[in-house]
Every structure is written in structure tokens, then in C-alpha cells.
């Protein structure tokens, strides 16, 4: 089943894949460099770089698998409900914070929550003023920006 991601989230995912591909290719070059001379110190460096190469390959494959599971949602305001691509200001417990709701978690100054996360599940489809609960803590929607 495909999941939804905003255009901004998709661009961030593509960027992370590009970085992972560059990191993987650099690790391939390092393994090739140290693999040419497997004696002594170079042999130890080869093993270390080979292990790093495997980690980088795993990260690249993980990101590509995520990309296959998503389709882009072109954000068009459908109303004032929390949906993929929204910037939502919430008050939960005694904290006020803003979150971005998107199908893929990525690094951002504003925290990103997915629809599957506890907060995402609680706020998806809510309107300004609606109440929600996460792990026994009550909150409400203060504002929604599309």
C-alpha cells in the first residue's frame, strides 16, 4: 500500500538518497584503494572501510525502499483539517509546539511527524480547536497552515 508524502518531503527524500549514493560511492573508492594492498595496516584499513561500505549500502537501500512505498501528494487546501503537508501548531500538556505532518521523517528545524506516529495518528483529520490525546496526555489543535 502506498503512503503519501508532500512535495517538500519527496524532495528531502531524494536529497537524502543523493547523499547516501555519494557516501556509498566514496566508500567503494576507499575499499578499492585499501583493497589493492592487504598487508599490515592497509589490510586493517580495508576491513574497516569494507564494514563502512556495507553500512552505507544498507542506508542507501533503506532509503530507496522508502521511496518505492510513497507517492507524492500535491497539496491543495481541502479545508481546515490536518493532512499531509500541513504545519500544525499544537498544545499538548503544558507545551506549545509546531509540527509538520508528512509521510516521511526528515531533518527539519520544525519536528516532522508521520501519520503512523502517535502524534500524527492523534491529529490527522482534526480541525482548529479539536482535542486529542497521546499516551494519556491531552492536547488541542491551535492552528493549521497548508
Protein backbone atom coordinates (compact mmCIF):
# COMPACT_ATOMS: atom_id res chain seq x y z
CA UNK A 1 0.00 0.00 0.00
CA UNK A 2 1.43 3.37 -1.00
CA UNK A 3 1.82 6.09 1.59
CA UNK A 4 1.51 9.82 0.99
CA UNK A 5 4.33 12.34 1.14
CA UNK A 6 4.33 16.06 0.40
CA UNK A 7 6.38 17.53 -2.43
CA UNK A 8 8.78 19.02 0.12
CA UNK A 9 9.11 15.65 1.86
CA UNK A 10 9.74 13.95 -1.51
CA UNK A 11 12.46 16.46 -2.36
CA UNK A 12 14.09 15.86 1.02
CA UNK A 13 13.92 12.09 0.48
CA UNK A 14 15.55 12.48 -2.96
CA UNK A 15 18.25 14.67 -1.42
CA UNK A 16 18.95 12.05 1.27
CA UNK A 17 19.20 9.37 -1.46
CA UNK A 18 21.69 11.53 -3.41
CA UNK A 19 23.80 11.99 -0.27
CA UNK A 20 23.62 8.25 0.50
CA UNK A 21 24.66 7.41 -3.08
CA UNK A 22 27.64 9.80 -2.86
CA UNK A 23 28.65 8.34 0.52
CA UNK A 24 28.37 4.81 -0.85
CA UNK A 25 30.48 5.62 -3.91
CA UNK A 26 33.14 7.20 -1.69
CA UNK A 27 33.21 4.05 0.43
CA UNK A 28 33.60 1.95 -2.76
CA UNK A 29 36.63 4.08 -3.72
CA UNK A 30 38.15 3.65 -0.24
CA UNK A 31 37.67 -0.12 -0.29
CA UNK A 32 39.23 -0.29 -3.76
CA UNK A 33 42.17 1.85 -2.59
CA UNK A 34 42.92 -0.22 0.52
CA UNK A 35 41.99 -3.49 -1.14
CA UNK A 36 44.93 -3.16 -3.54
CA UNK A 37 47.38 -3.71 -0.65
CA UNK A 38 46.00 -6.02 2.04
CA UNK A 39 49.23 -6.30 4.06
CA UNK A 40 49.63 -4.90 7.57
CA UNK A 41 47.95 -1.60 8.31
CA UNK A 42 46.33 -1.39 4.89
CA UNK A 43 44.64 -4.74 5.49
CA UNK A 44 43.11 -3.43 8.72
CA UNK A 45 42.00 -0.24 6.97
CA UNK A 46 40.49 -2.37 4.19
CA UNK A 47 38.38 -4.29 6.71
CA UNK A 48 37.26 -1.10 8.42
CA UNK A 49 36.31 0.58 5.13
CA UNK A 50 34.57 -2.56 3.87
CA UNK A 51 32.39 -2.66 7.01
CA UNK A 52 31.61 1.05 6.49
CA UNK A 53 30.76 0.37 2.84
CA UNK A 54 28.21 -2.26 3.89
CA UNK A 55 26.57 0.23 6.31
CA UNK A 56 26.37 2.88 3.58
CA UNK A 57 24.89 0.36 1.13
CA UNK A 58 22.27 -0.63 3.73
CA UNK A 59 21.32 3.04 4.27
CA UNK A 60 21.01 3.62 0.51
CA UNK A 61 18.84 0.53 0.08
CA UNK A 62 16.67 1.56 3.06
CA UNK A 63 16.02 5.00 1.55
CA UNK A 64 15.25 3.56 -1.90
CA UNK A 65 12.80 1.10 -0.32
CA UNK A 66 11.07 4.00 1.45
CA UNK A 67 10.87 5.90 -1.84
CA UNK A 68 9.16 2.94 -3.54
CA UNK A 69 6.44 2.94 -0.86
CA UNK A 70 5.38 6.56 -1.36
CA UNK A 71 3.55 8.69 -3.86
CA UNK A 72 3.62 12.46 -3.90
CA UNK A 73 0.60 14.36 -2.68
CA UNK A 74 0.26 17.73 -4.38
CA UNK A 75 -1.02 19.83 -1.55
CA UNK A 76 -4.25 21.61 -2.37
CA UNK A 77 -6.16 23.05 0.54
CA UNK A 78 -9.20 20.82 1.01
CA UNK A 79 -10.38 22.57 4.10
CA UNK A 80 -9.02 23.30 7.50
CA UNK A 81 -8.22 19.74 8.53
CA UNK A 82 -4.81 18.37 9.49
CA UNK A 83 -3.45 16.44 6.49
CA UNK A 84 -0.13 15.52 4.85
CA UNK A 85 1.96 18.64 4.27
CA UNK A 86 0.37 20.79 6.99
CA UNK A 87 2.21 22.89 9.53
CA UNK A 88 0.25 22.41 12.74
CA UNK A 89 0.56 24.31 15.99
CA UNK A 90 -0.46 22.12 18.90
CA UNK A 91 -0.64 22.44 22.63
CA UNK A 92 -0.03 19.14 24.37
CA UNK A 93 0.12 19.03 28.13
CA UNK A 94 1.86 22.28 29.03
CA UNK A 95 3.90 22.51 25.82
CA UNK A 96 3.14 24.53 22.72
CA UNK A 97 4.89 23.41 19.57
CA UNK A 98 4.68 23.35 15.81
CA UNK A 99 4.97 20.13 13.81
CA UNK A 100 4.97 19.28 10.12
CA UNK A 101 2.79 16.31 9.18
CA UNK A 102 4.41 14.32 6.37
CA UNK A 103 4.70 10.73 5.20
CA UNK A 104 8.48 10.57 5.74
CA UNK A 105 10.50 11.78 8.73
CA UNK A 106 13.34 14.07 7.72
CA UNK A 107 15.59 16.54 9.46
CA UNK A 108 13.94 19.90 9.83
CA UNK A 109 14.07 22.84 12.20
CA UNK A 110 10.40 22.07 12.90
CA UNK A 111 9.77 18.47 14.05
CA UNK A 112 8.24 16.19 11.39
CA UNK A 113 5.61 13.65 12.43
CA UNK A 114 4.27 10.86 10.25
CA UNK A 115 0.62 9.75 10.12
CA UNK A 116 1.70 6.47 11.77
CA UNK A 117 3.36 8.20 14.75
CA UNK A 118 1.37 8.63 17.97
CA UNK A 119 1.02 12.40 17.47
CA UNK A 120 0.31 12.03 13.73
CA UNK A 121 -2.40 9.44 14.38
CA UNK A 122 -3.96 11.67 17.05
CA UNK A 123 -4.09 14.88 14.98
CA UNK A 124 -4.72 13.70 11.40
CA UNK A 125 -8.15 14.88 10.25
CA UNK A 126 -8.62 17.23 13.22
CA UNK A 127 -9.62 20.90 12.91
CA UNK A 128 -8.55 24.00 14.83
CA UNK A 129 -9.85 23.72 18.40
CA UNK A 130 -10.26 19.93 18.24
CA UNK A 131 -8.91 17.99 21.20
CA UNK A 132 -6.72 14.89 21.04
CA UNK A 133 -4.82 12.59 23.39
CA UNK A 134 -1.38 11.00 23.08
CA UNK A 135 -0.18 8.48 25.66
CA UNK A 136 -2.67 9.81 28.19
CA UNK A 137 -1.67 13.46 27.66
CA UNK A 138 -4.41 15.74 26.39
CA UNK A 139 -3.84 18.37 23.74
CA UNK A 140 -5.61 20.50 21.17
CA UNK A 141 -5.03 21.99 17.73
CA UNK A 142 -4.17 25.71 17.90
CA UNK A 143 -3.64 26.42 14.18
CA UNK A 144 -3.24 24.71 10.81
CA UNK A 145 -1.32 26.07 7.82
CA UNK A 146 -1.34 24.31 4.46
